[in-house]
């Protein structure tokens, strides 16, 4: 079992922190595919969303999990 110091993270933030590389890549690819033809999606917004995925603040994976239930 992985033990980490508690820096005030929620369980969700810890889960995201421990997210595998493949899961993170899948979230980023999904985000890019969803906005590929979106003329209202700027590169800055897209970069911010990718940063949220990397930092573990994204809810994209949760939306995909909820739709699979």
Protein backbone atom coordinates (compact mmCIF):
# COMPACT_ATOMS: atom_id res chain seq x y z
CA UNK A 1 0.00 0.00 0.00
CA UNK A 2 1.29 3.46 -0.91
CA UNK A 3 1.56 5.83 2.01
CA UNK A 4 1.66 9.56 1.45
CA UNK A 5 1.81 12.51 3.77
CA UNK A 6 -1.46 14.31 4.31
CA UNK A 7 -1.25 17.80 2.86
CA UNK A 8 -4.97 18.44 3.17
CA UNK A 9 -5.92 16.67 -0.04
CA UNK A 10 -9.36 15.20 -0.42
CA UNK A 11 -9.72 11.52 -1.27
CA UNK A 12 -10.62 12.53 -4.83
CA UNK A 13 -7.43 14.55 -5.18
CA UNK A 14 -5.40 11.61 -3.89
CA UNK A 15 -7.13 9.27 -6.34
CA UNK A 16 -6.31 11.65 -9.18
CA UNK A 17 -2.73 11.94 -7.97
CA UNK A 18 -2.37 8.19 -8.17
CA UNK A 19 -4.03 8.05 -11.61
CA UNK A 20 -2.12 5.94 -14.05
CA UNK A 21 -0.37 7.34 -17.09
CA UNK A 22 -2.74 5.55 -19.46
CA UNK A 23 -5.83 6.97 -17.74
CA UNK A 24 -4.38 10.47 -17.87
CA UNK A 25 -3.56 10.12 -21.56
CA UNK A 26 -7.09 8.85 -22.25
CA UNK A 27 -8.60 11.90 -20.52
CA UNK A 28 -6.40 14.30 -22.49
CA UNK A 29 -7.16 12.55 -25.80
CA UNK A 30 -10.90 12.59 -25.01
CA UNK A 31 -10.74 16.30 -24.25
CA UNK A 32 -8.87 17.01 -27.49
CA UNK A 33 -11.22 14.88 -29.59
CA UNK A 34 -14.29 16.51 -28.08
CA UNK A 35 -13.01 19.98 -28.96
CA UNK A 36 -11.25 19.21 -32.24
CA UNK A 37 -13.85 20.97 -34.39
CA UNK A 38 -15.09 23.42 -31.75
CA UNK A 39 -14.44 26.96 -33.06
CA UNK A 40 -15.10 28.38 -29.58
CA UNK A 41 -12.32 26.36 -27.94
CA UNK A 42 -9.14 28.42 -27.75
CA UNK A 43 -5.71 26.90 -27.32
CA UNK A 44 -5.48 28.70 -23.98
CA UNK A 45 -8.67 27.10 -22.67
CA UNK A 46 -7.53 23.71 -23.93
CA UNK A 47 -4.14 24.18 -22.24
CA UNK A 48 -5.90 25.11 -18.98
CA UNK A 49 -8.07 21.98 -19.17
CA UNK A 50 -5.04 19.76 -19.82
CA UNK A 51 -3.28 21.40 -16.87
CA UNK A 52 -6.29 20.56 -14.67
CA UNK A 53 -6.11 16.91 -15.75
CA UNK A 54 -2.39 16.76 -14.98
CA UNK A 55 -2.83 18.46 -11.61
CA UNK A 56 -5.73 16.19 -10.73
CA UNK A 57 -8.44 18.86 -10.68
CA UNK A 58 -10.42 17.57 -13.65
CA UNK A 59 -13.85 15.99 -13.38
CA UNK A 60 -13.75 14.57 -16.93
CA UNK A 61 -12.96 11.04 -15.71
CA UNK A 62 -15.83 11.24 -13.21
CA UNK A 63 -18.23 12.18 -16.01
CA UNK A 64 -17.07 9.21 -18.08
CA UNK A 65 -17.39 6.87 -15.08
CA UNK A 66 -20.91 8.14 -14.35
CA UNK A 67 -21.99 7.60 -17.96
CA UNK A 68 -20.74 4.01 -17.84
CA UNK A 69 -22.84 3.20 -14.74
